[in-house]
Structures are given as structure tokens and as C-alpha cells.
């Protein structure tokens, strides 16, 4: 008789080391690119509205707030999974505090209930008390990304700059004539896109390819 053994999905080693903040929910920890487990922070190009209706760059604000709190500190992370961009999905502690819980409690990120209910009550408490993002009119990041995908993206003919997302989640744009321009393919389903101008690509959170 044969016995089938089901092994758990192999994930990366537990990341540990100093933090470099990429955006609200993506960090480099030591040498590893980490997507924080159970939370979802505004995208770098996301805007929100203040109570008076004025728009403001809440995605950039969140990244700045997270960097002020965590950049350069040491994180101890427990790997939970690997996402489609090759990032390690992990729960991270800085000192004795769960970094994801702290961010949700302060209104800097949302509980990502699609994947975990761990921070559900923390988000509700932040919303009731109007902390951080909850003091404003803000769209949940997942809804923002879905709305962007539903909008027709410019074509290569109109906008020739290629906005690519690497396997580690890094957003890089390629200009015509650069070394990897011709072989770079754009998959809009992944969030990749065409840009008409360099300034547009930079404002959206992409950096220029080095070659």
C-alpha cells in the first residue's frame, strides 16, 4: 500500500536584519524583500481626500511615516508564504512589537482580511478613533488597484516608456534605447504599464533602469 504524504508549501527562510522601507507594506529586511503579512497599505501613487474635499498624496505620506518609525531598525520576521512577485510574505517584529499590528492600530495600513483576520479589531479601533488615514476619505488599497486595472492603459504607440515590475516587486521603467528595453514585456494584469513621460513614471513610484 502506498501512502501519500502532503508536505507544507516551502517558503523562504525567516528574514532578519535592518529595515529599508520600500513602501507602506513592503520592506527590505537584511537582504530579503518582504511583503508584510495581514496588512495592506496605500499604494505609492494613491491619493485620499481630507474632510474639506482637498486631495492629498496619502500613499507617499504613509511611506514617510513608516520610514520614520522603522527605517534602520532591526526586524525579526517569520516567513508565512511567498507571493507572485517572489517576495517573502512575513510577520515582522521590531523590538517586542508586531509591526503590522502597530501600523494598523495607528491608521497607517488596513487589515488585509482577504488573507488574515488577525488585525481586524485593530483596524476597527483605529477607524472609530479617527487615527491616521481614518481621519480622511480613503479608498482601500485593493479597491484602488482594481480601479486602476479597469482603466484602459495607454498603448506603446502613444506612450513608449515601459513600466515593469520585477520578480521582487521593484518598479522599474525602461526608456527606448536602453539595454533591456526590447526584451521587456508589459503585463497590465500584474500592474505593469506604459508611460508617456519620465516625470509621470517617477511620480507613479517607478525608478529608471540603470542600463
Protein backbone atom coordinates (compact mmCIF):
# COMPACT_ATOMS: atom_id res chain seq x y z
CA UNK A 1 0.00 0.00 0.00
CA UNK A 2 1.30 3.42 -0.94
CA UNK A 3 0.93 6.33 1.45
CA UNK A 4 0.76 9.85 0.03
CA UNK A 5 2.43 12.41 2.25
CA UNK A 6 1.48 16.04 1.78
CA UNK A 7 4.31 18.39 2.62
CA UNK A 8 3.71 22.04 3.57
CA UNK A 9 4.49 24.66 0.92
CA UNK A 10 8.13 25.60 1.04
CA UNK A 11 8.68 29.26 1.88
CA UNK A 12 11.81 31.30 2.27
CA UNK A 13 13.95 31.39 5.39
CA UNK A 14 12.88 33.77 8.14
CA UNK A 15 14.22 37.23 7.24
CA UNK A 16 16.13 39.13 9.90
CA UNK A 17 18.14 42.34 9.76
CA UNK A 18 17.95 46.08 9.30
CA UNK A 19 14.90 47.56 7.62
CA UNK A 20 14.84 49.57 4.41
CA UNK A 21 11.31 50.78 3.70
CA UNK A 22 10.20 50.38 0.08
CA UNK A 23 6.61 51.44 0.70
CA UNK A 24 4.00 51.08 3.42
CA UNK A 25 3.81 47.28 3.37
CA UNK A 26 6.99 46.26 1.53
CA UNK A 27 10.40 46.28 3.19
CA UNK A 28 13.89 45.02 2.58
CA UNK A 29 14.87 43.12 5.74
CA UNK A 30 18.54 42.25 5.66
CA UNK A 31 18.90 41.08 2.07
CA UNK A 32 15.31 39.90 1.61
CA UNK A 33 12.33 41.66 0.02
CA UNK A 34 9.41 41.24 2.44
CA UNK A 35 5.66 41.83 1.98
CA UNK A 36 4.20 42.31 5.47
CA UNK A 37 1.59 39.68 6.30
CA UNK A 38 -2.03 40.56 7.01
CA UNK A 39 -1.91 44.27 6.16
CA UNK A 40 -2.49 46.42 3.08
CA UNK A 41 -1.12 49.97 2.88
CA UNK A 42 -1.99 52.65 0.29
CA UNK A 43 -0.10 52.48 -3.00
CA UNK A 44 2.69 55.00 -3.57
CA UNK A 45 0.60 56.88 -6.16
CA UNK A 46 -2.66 56.72 -4.20
CA UNK A 47 -4.39 59.91 -3.13
CA UNK A 48 -7.02 60.47 -0.43
CA UNK A 49 -9.37 63.34 0.40
CA UNK A 50 -9.29 65.46 3.51
CA UNK A 51 -12.59 66.23 5.28
CA UNK A 52 -12.79 69.51 3.30
CA UNK A 53 -12.50 67.60 0.00
CA UNK A 54 -8.89 68.51 -0.82
CA UNK A 55 -6.86 65.69 -2.34
CA UNK A 56 -3.51 64.77 -0.78
CA UNK A 57 -0.86 62.08 -1.52
CA UNK A 58 -1.71 59.65 1.27
CA UNK A 59 0.39 56.85 -0.26
CA UNK A 60 3.55 58.94 -0.06
CA UNK A 61 2.60 60.13 3.42
CA UNK A 62 2.22 56.56 4.69
CA UNK A 63 5.61 55.57 3.27
CA UNK A 64 7.21 58.56 5.01
CA UNK A 65 5.53 57.74 8.32
CA UNK A 66 6.60 54.10 8.15
CA UNK A 67 10.18 55.07 7.26
CA UNK A 68 10.30 57.48 10.21
CA UNK A 69 9.25 54.69 12.59
CA UNK A 70 11.12 51.69 11.24
CA UNK A 71 13.91 52.54 8.76
CA UNK A 72 17.29 51.38 10.03
CA UNK A 73 15.86 49.37 12.89
CA UNK A 74 16.24 45.59 13.16
CA UNK A 75 13.29 43.34 12.33
CA UNK A 76 12.78 39.69 13.23
CA UNK A 77 10.36 38.12 10.77
CA UNK A 78 8.56 34.81 10.43
CA UNK A 79 8.02 33.73 6.84
CA UNK A 80 4.41 32.74 6.08
CA UNK A 81 4.35 32.42 2.27
CA UNK A 82 5.85 33.69 -0.99
CA UNK A 83 3.79 35.95 -3.24
CA UNK A 84 3.59 36.01 -7.04
CA UNK A 85 6.33 38.66 -7.22
CA UNK A 86 8.76 36.43 -5.33
CA UNK A 87 8.56 38.45 -2.11
CA UNK A 88 8.58 36.68 1.25
CA UNK A 89 5.25 37.26 2.98
CA UNK A 90 6.16 37.54 6.66
CA UNK A 91 5.02 38.70 10.07
CA UNK A 92 7.69 41.02 11.46
CA UNK A 93 8.52 42.20 14.96
CA UNK A 94 10.59 45.28 15.76
CA UNK A 95 11.71 45.02 19.34
CA UNK A 96 8.77 43.41 21.13
CA UNK A 97 6.09 44.90 18.86
CA UNK A 98 4.28 43.32 15.93
CA UNK A 99 5.00 45.89 13.20
CA UNK A 100 1.86 45.06 11.21
CA UNK A 101 -0.39 45.46 14.25
CA UNK A 102 1.27 48.76 15.13
CA UNK A 103 0.72 50.12 11.61
CA UNK A 104 -2.94 49.10 11.51
CA UNK A 105 -3.55 50.42 15.06
CA UNK A 106 -2.11 53.82 14.10
CA UNK A 107 -4.18 54.04 10.92
CA UNK A 108 -1.22 53.68 8.56
CA UNK A 109 -2.47 50.48 6.96
CA UNK A 110 -5.60 48.34 6.72
CA UNK A 111 -6.25 44.81 7.88
CA UNK A 112 -5.98 42.65 4.76
CA UNK A 113 -8.98 40.47 5.61
CA UNK A 114 -8.72 38.53 2.35
CA UNK A 115 -5.67 36.80 3.84
CA UNK A 116 -5.96 37.24 7.61
CA UNK A 117 -8.36 38.48 10.30
CA UNK A 118 -5.53 38.98 12.80
CA UNK A 119 -5.74 42.78 12.70
CA UNK A 120 -9.48 43.17 12.20
CA UNK A 121 -10.17 44.65 15.65
CA UNK A 122 -7.10 46.88 15.46
CA UNK A 123 -8.43 48.48 12.29
CA UNK A 124 -11.91 48.93 13.75
CA UNK A 125 -10.47 50.69 16.80
CA UNK A 126 -8.38 52.98 14.57
CA UNK A 127 -11.45 53.81 12.46
CA UNK A 128 -13.64 54.57 15.49
CA UNK A 129 -10.98 56.91 16.88
CA UNK A 130 -10.17 58.56 13.54
CA UNK A 131 -6.48 57.68 13.62
CA UNK A 132 -4.22 58.29 10.65
CA UNK A 133 -5.90 57.51 7.33
CA UNK A 134 -9.28 57.10 9.03
CA UNK A 135 -9.48 60.84 9.66
CA UNK A 136 -9.88 61.25 5.90
CA UNK A 137 -11.81 59.86 2.95
CA UNK A 138 -9.69 56.94 1.80
CA UNK A 139 -10.22 54.09 -0.63
CA UNK A 140 -8.99 50.68 0.46
CA UNK A 141 -5.77 49.87 -1.44
CA UNK A 142 -7.21 46.71 -3.03
CA UNK A 143 -10.11 48.75 -4.42
CA UNK A 144 -7.70 51.41 -5.67
CA UNK A 145 -5.64 48.78 -7.52
CA UNK A 146 -8.76 47.21 -9.03
CA UNK A 147 -9.97 50.61 -10.25
CA UNK A 148 -6.60 51.27 -11.89
CA UNK A 149 -6.68 47.91 -13.66
CA UNK A 150 -10.15 48.65 -15.05
CA UNK A 151 -8.97 51.85 -16.72
CA UNK A 152 -7.61 51.39 -20.22
CA UNK A 153 -3.83 51.74 -20.20
CA UNK A 154 -2.02 53.79 -22.87
CA UNK A 155 -0.54 51.81 -25.75
CA UNK A 156 3.08 51.56 -26.83
CA UNK A 157 2.33 53.79 -29.82
CA UNK A 158 1.11 56.62 -27.60
CA UNK A 159 3.42 56.15 -24.60
CA UNK A 160 6.68 54.25 -25.26
CA UNK A 161 8.16 54.10 -21.72
CA UNK A 162 7.84 50.59 -20.25
CA UNK A 163 6.86 50.38 -16.56
CA UNK A 164 7.96 46.90 -15.48
CA UNK A 165 7.59 45.19 -12.07
CA UNK A 166 10.47 42.85 -11.20
CA UNK A 167 10.12 39.45 -9.53
CA UNK A 168 10.99 41.17 -6.23
CA UNK A 169 8.24 43.76 -6.67
CA UNK A 170 10.57 46.62 -7.69
CA UNK A 171 9.00 49.08 -10.11
CA UNK A 172 11.45 49.95 -12.91
CA UNK A 173 10.84 51.88 -16.12
CA UNK A 174 12.79 51.34 -19.34
CA UNK A 175 13.37 54.11 -21.87
CA UNK A 176 13.61 53.40 -25.62
CA UNK A 177 17.23 52.63 -26.44
CA UNK A 178 18.13 51.22 -23.01
CA UNK A 179 19.77 47.79 -22.86
CA UNK A 180 16.74 45.76 -21.73
CA UNK A 181 14.02 47.81 -23.42
CA UNK A 182 13.31 45.50 -26.37
CA UNK A 183 13.07 42.29 -24.35
CA UNK A 184 10.93 43.82 -21.58
CA UNK A 185 7.29 42.76 -21.85
CA UNK A 186 4.43 44.66 -20.18
CA UNK A 187 1.72 42.67 -18.41
CA UNK A 188 -1.03 45.09 -17.36
CA UNK A 189 -2.74 42.32 -15.33
CA UNK A 190 0.27 42.47 -12.96
CA UNK A 191 0.03 46.23 -12.61
CA UNK A 192 2.68 46.97 -15.23
CA UNK A 193 2.00 49.89 -17.57
CA UNK A 194 3.17 52.26 -20.29
CA UNK A 195 4.19 55.84 -19.52
CA UNK A 196 4.21 58.87 -21.78
CA UNK A 197 6.89 60.81 -19.88
CA UNK A 198 9.65 60.11 -17.34
CA UNK A 199 8.11 62.54 -14.85
CA UNK A 200 4.87 60.54 -14.99
CA UNK A 201 6.72 57.28 -14.27
CA UNK A 202 8.63 58.78 -11.33
CA UNK A 203 5.50 60.30 -9.84
CA UNK A 204 3.79 56.90 -10.01
CA UNK A 205 6.61 55.30 -7.99
CA UNK A 206 8.81 53.75 -10.70
CA UNK A 207 12.59 54.28 -10.94
CA UNK A 208 14.68 54.37 -14.11
CA UNK A 209 16.52 51.21 -15.18
CA UNK A 210 20.25 51.53 -14.56
CA UNK A 211 21.14 50.36 -18.09
